[in-house]
Structures are given as structure tokens and as C-alpha cells.
Amino acid sequence: MTQKMDIDSLTTCLVTPDGARIRLNFLNSSAGTTTLELSASCVQQLVNALPHLLATALRIQHGDNCARDPKGSIAWALQ
């Protein structure tokens, strides 16, 4: 079952004591809090996917194919 969460902002983030997971704490649209706990490998996948998604969102929002994240995109991998 898919669960949709409307998130307004990231509040805090931390690594679990064993280093295996990352917790992202958010303020949701109902002014409540939501915690998302992800494996380190899932976070790596997100880090690699988010720059492209952000660039696409900026192009759509601004109607400009030249719109991009000013920080640029960085691909990385854990070795």
C-alpha cells in the first residue's frame, strides 16, 4: 500500500547509532511531524536521483529549459 505524505520542511536529520540507517524528520502539512527512516543505500540512491528531479521541477516551475540548480549536480558512490 502506498502512503502519501505532504511534507513542508526538513527539521532534523541523524544517523542511527549503528550507522545503518538515516532518519529524516519533517514538518508535515498538518503541522505535525513525520519521520522517514531510510537505509544508507536508499539514501545514496536518492542523492543520485534528486539533482535530476530538482532540475526538472525548476524547468517546469519557471517554464525555462535553462533553469537549473545553481549548486550543480554531483554524482557519488560509496566505495
N, C-alpha and C. Protein backbone atom coordinates (compact mmCIF):
# COMPACT_ATOMS: atom_id res chain seq x y z
N MET A 1 0.84 -1.17 0.00
CA MET A 1 0.00 0.00 0.00
C MET A 1 0.89 1.24 0.00
N THR A 2 0.59 2.17 -0.86
CA THR A 2 1.34 3.42 -0.94
C THR A 2 0.74 4.43 0.01
N GLN A 3 1.61 5.13 0.74
CA GLN A 3 1.16 6.17 1.65
C GLN A 3 1.76 7.49 1.19
N LYS A 4 0.92 8.48 0.96
CA LYS A 4 1.37 9.80 0.54
C LYS A 4 1.52 10.69 1.76
N MET A 5 2.64 11.42 1.82
CA MET A 5 2.88 12.36 2.90
C MET A 5 3.13 13.72 2.27
N ASP A 6 2.44 14.74 2.73
CA ASP A 6 2.69 16.11 2.28
C ASP A 6 3.63 16.76 3.27
N ILE A 7 4.86 16.96 2.83
CA ILE A 7 5.92 17.47 3.70
C ILE A 7 6.20 18.93 3.37
N ASP A 8 6.30 19.76 4.40
CA ASP A 8 6.59 21.18 4.20
C ASP A 8 8.06 21.52 4.39
N SER A 9 8.73 20.89 5.36
CA SER A 9 10.14 21.20 5.56
C SER A 9 10.85 20.10 6.33
N LEU A 10 12.13 20.01 6.08
CA LEU A 10 13.01 19.11 6.82
C LEU A 10 13.40 19.82 8.11
N THR A 11 13.22 19.15 9.25
CA THR A 11 13.55 19.79 10.52
C THR A 11 14.90 19.32 11.05
N THR A 12 15.10 18.03 11.13
CA THR A 12 16.38 17.50 11.61
C THR A 12 16.68 16.19 10.88
N CYS A 13 17.92 15.79 10.95
CA CYS A 13 18.30 14.50 10.38
C CYS A 13 19.43 13.92 11.22
N LEU A 14 19.50 12.60 11.27
CA LEU A 14 20.54 11.96 12.05
C LEU A 14 20.81 10.56 11.53
N VAL A 15 21.94 10.04 11.94
CA VAL A 15 22.34 8.68 11.59
C VAL A 15 22.08 7.82 12.81
N THR A 16 21.52 6.63 12.61
CA THR A 16 21.29 5.73 13.73
C THR A 16 22.62 5.32 14.36
N PRO A 17 22.61 4.93 15.62
CA PRO A 17 23.86 4.59 16.30
C PRO A 17 24.71 3.54 15.59
N ASP A 18 24.08 2.60 14.88
CA ASP A 18 24.86 1.57 14.18
C ASP A 18 25.30 2.02 12.78
N GLY A 19 24.87 3.21 12.35
CA GLY A 19 25.26 3.74 11.05
C GLY A 19 24.55 3.13 9.86
N ALA A 20 23.61 2.24 10.11
CA ALA A 20 22.94 1.53 9.02
C ALA A 20 21.78 2.32 8.40
N ARG A 21 21.23 3.25 9.15
CA ARG A 21 20.05 3.95 8.67
C ARG A 21 20.17 5.45 8.94
N ILE A 22 19.41 6.21 8.18
CA ILE A 22 19.39 7.66 8.32
C ILE A 22 17.95 8.07 8.58
N ARG A 23 17.76 8.89 9.60
CA ARG A 23 16.42 9.38 9.95
C ARG A 23 16.29 10.83 9.52
N LEU A 24 15.24 11.09 8.76
CA LEU A 24 14.91 12.45 8.33
C LEU A 24 13.60 12.83 9.01
N ASN A 25 13.63 13.91 9.76
CA ASN A 25 12.45 14.38 10.47
C ASN A 25 11.89 15.60 9.74
N PHE A 26 10.60 15.56 9.47
CA PHE A 26 9.93 16.58 8.68
C PHE A 26 8.77 17.20 9.43
N LEU A 27 8.42 18.42 9.04
CA LEU A 27 7.18 19.05 9.45
C LEU A 27 6.21 18.81 8.31
N ASN A 28 5.07 18.20 8.60
CA ASN A 28 4.13 17.91 7.53
C ASN A 28 3.10 19.03 7.39
N SER A 29 2.26 18.92 6.38
CA SER A 29 1.31 19.98 6.07
C SER A 29 0.23 20.17 7.13
N SER A 30 0.09 19.20 8.04
CA SER A 30 -0.87 19.31 9.13
C SER A 30 -0.22 19.88 10.39
N ALA A 31 0.98 20.41 10.27
CA ALA A 31 1.76 20.96 11.38
C ALA A 31 2.19 19.88 12.36
N GLY A 32 2.15 18.64 11.93
CA GLY A 32 2.66 17.54 12.74
C GLY A 32 4.03 17.15 12.25
N THR A 33 4.60 16.15 12.87
CA THR A 33 5.92 15.70 12.45
C THR A 33 5.83 14.31 11.82
N THR A 34 6.73 14.07 10.91
CA THR A 34 6.84 12.78 10.24
C THR A 34 8.30 12.40 10.22
N THR A 35 8.60 11.15 10.52
CA THR A 35 9.97 10.66 10.45
C THR A 35 10.06 9.61 9.36
N LEU A 36 11.07 9.76 8.54
CA LEU A 36 11.35 8.82 7.46
C LEU A 36 12.70 8.19 7.79
N GLU A 37 12.73 6.87 7.93
CA GLU A 37 13.97 6.18 8.24
C GLU A 37 14.36 5.35 7.03
N LEU A 38 15.54 5.63 6.49
CA LEU A 38 16.00 5.01 5.25
C LEU A 38 17.31 4.28 5.46
N SER A 39 17.51 3.21 4.70
CA SER A 39 18.81 2.55 4.72
C SER A 39 19.84 3.47 4.06
N ALA A 40 21.09 3.28 4.40
CA ALA A 40 22.15 4.10 3.80
C ALA A 40 22.17 3.93 2.29
N SER A 41 21.92 2.74 1.79
CA SER A 41 21.92 2.53 0.33
C SER A 41 20.75 3.25 -0.34
N CYS A 42 19.61 3.33 0.33
CA CYS A 42 18.47 4.08 -0.22
C CYS A 42 18.80 5.56 -0.28
N VAL A 43 19.47 6.08 0.74
CA VAL A 43 19.86 7.50 0.74
C VAL A 43 20.83 7.76 -0.41
N GLN A 44 21.75 6.84 -0.66
CA GLN A 44 22.68 7.01 -1.79
C GLN A 44 21.90 7.08 -3.10
N GLN A 45 20.89 6.24 -3.27
CA GLN A 45 20.07 6.28 -4.48
C GLN A 45 19.34 7.61 -4.60
N LEU A 46 18.81 8.12 -3.49
CA LEU A 46 18.13 9.42 -3.50
C LEU A 46 19.08 10.55 -3.86
N VAL A 47 20.27 10.54 -3.28
CA VAL A 47 21.25 11.59 -3.56
C VAL A 47 21.58 11.63 -5.04
N ASN A 48 21.65 10.48 -5.67
CA ASN A 48 21.95 10.44 -7.10
C ASN A 48 20.75 10.83 -7.97
N ALA A 49 19.53 10.59 -7.48
CA ALA A 49 18.33 10.90 -8.27
C ALA A 49 17.85 12.34 -8.09
N LEU A 50 18.04 12.92 -6.92
CA LEU A 50 17.47 14.23 -6.62
C LEU A 50 17.95 15.37 -7.51
N PRO A 51 19.21 15.46 -7.90
CA PRO A 51 19.61 16.58 -8.76
C PRO A 51 18.81 16.62 -10.07
N HIS A 52 18.59 15.48 -10.70
CA HIS A 52 17.80 15.44 -11.94
C HIS A 52 16.35 15.84 -11.66
N LEU A 53 15.78 15.33 -10.57
CA LEU A 53 14.40 15.67 -10.23
C LEU A 53 14.26 17.16 -9.94
N LEU A 54 15.23 17.73 -9.22
CA LEU A 54 15.18 19.16 -8.92
C LEU A 54 15.29 19.99 -10.19
N ALA A 55 16.18 19.62 -11.09
CA ALA A 55 16.33 20.35 -12.35
C ALA A 55 15.02 20.30 -13.16
N THR A 56 14.39 19.15 -13.20
CA THR A 56 13.12 19.01 -13.91
C THR A 56 12.04 19.87 -13.27
N ALA A 57 11.96 19.85 -11.94
CA ALA A 57 10.96 20.66 -11.23
C ALA A 57 11.19 22.15 -11.49
N LEU A 58 12.45 22.60 -11.47
CA LEU A 58 12.74 24.01 -11.74
C LEU A 58 12.35 24.41 -13.15
N ARG A 59 12.63 23.54 -14.13
CA ARG A 59 12.24 23.84 -15.52
C ARG A 59 10.73 23.96 -15.65
N ILE A 60 9.99 23.07 -14.99
CA ILE A 60 8.52 23.10 -15.06
C ILE A 60 7.98 24.35 -14.36
N GLN A 61 8.48 24.63 -13.16
CA GLN A 61 8.00 25.79 -12.39
C GLN A 61 8.24 27.11 -13.11
N HIS A 62 9.37 27.23 -13.78
CA HIS A 62 9.75 28.51 -14.38
C HIS A 62 9.54 28.55 -15.89
N GLY A 63 9.11 27.42 -16.47
CA GLY A 63 8.87 27.39 -17.91
C GLY A 63 10.11 27.72 -18.71
N ASP A 64 11.25 27.33 -18.19
CA ASP A 64 12.52 27.69 -18.81
C ASP A 64 13.41 26.45 -18.85
N ASN A 65 13.77 26.02 -20.06
CA ASN A 65 14.61 24.84 -20.19
C ASN A 65 16.03 25.08 -19.69
N CYS A 66 16.40 26.32 -19.43
CA CYS A 66 17.74 26.63 -18.92
C CYS A 66 17.78 26.66 -17.39
N ALA A 67 16.63 26.59 -16.75
CA ALA A 67 16.60 26.63 -15.29
C ALA A 67 17.32 25.41 -14.74
N ARG A 68 18.14 25.64 -13.70
CA ARG A 68 18.87 24.54 -13.10
C ARG A 68 19.22 24.89 -11.66
N ASP A 69 19.63 23.90 -10.91
CA ASP A 69 20.07 24.10 -9.55
C ASP A 69 21.42 24.82 -9.59
N PRO A 70 21.54 25.98 -8.96
CA PRO A 70 22.81 26.71 -9.02
C PRO A 70 23.98 25.97 -8.37
N LYS A 71 23.68 25.00 -7.52
CA LYS A 71 24.75 24.22 -6.89
C LYS A 71 25.29 23.16 -7.85
N GLY A 72 24.58 22.91 -8.95
CA GLY A 72 25.02 21.87 -9.88
C GLY A 72 24.67 20.49 -9.36
N SER A 73 24.98 19.51 -10.12
CA SER A 73 24.70 18.15 -9.67
C SER A 73 26.01 17.41 -9.46
N ILE A 74 26.01 16.60 -8.43
CA ILE A 74 27.20 15.83 -8.10
C ILE A 74 26.77 14.37 -7.96
N ALA A 75 27.42 13.51 -8.71
CA ALA A 75 27.16 12.07 -8.57
C ALA A 75 28.26 11.50 -7.68
N TRP A 76 27.89 10.59 -6.81
CA TRP A 76 28.88 9.97 -5.95
C TRP A 76 28.50 8.53 -5.69
N ALA A 77 29.43 7.78 -5.22
CA ALA A 77 29.17 6.38 -4.87
C ALA A 77 30.06 6.02 -3.69
N LEU A 78 29.53 5.17 -2.83
CA LEU A 78 30.28 4.67 -1.70
C LEU A 78 31.17 3.54 -2.19
N GLN A 79 32.46 3.63 -1.87
CA GLN A 79 33.39 2.59 -2.32
C GLN A 79 34.00 1.89 -1.13
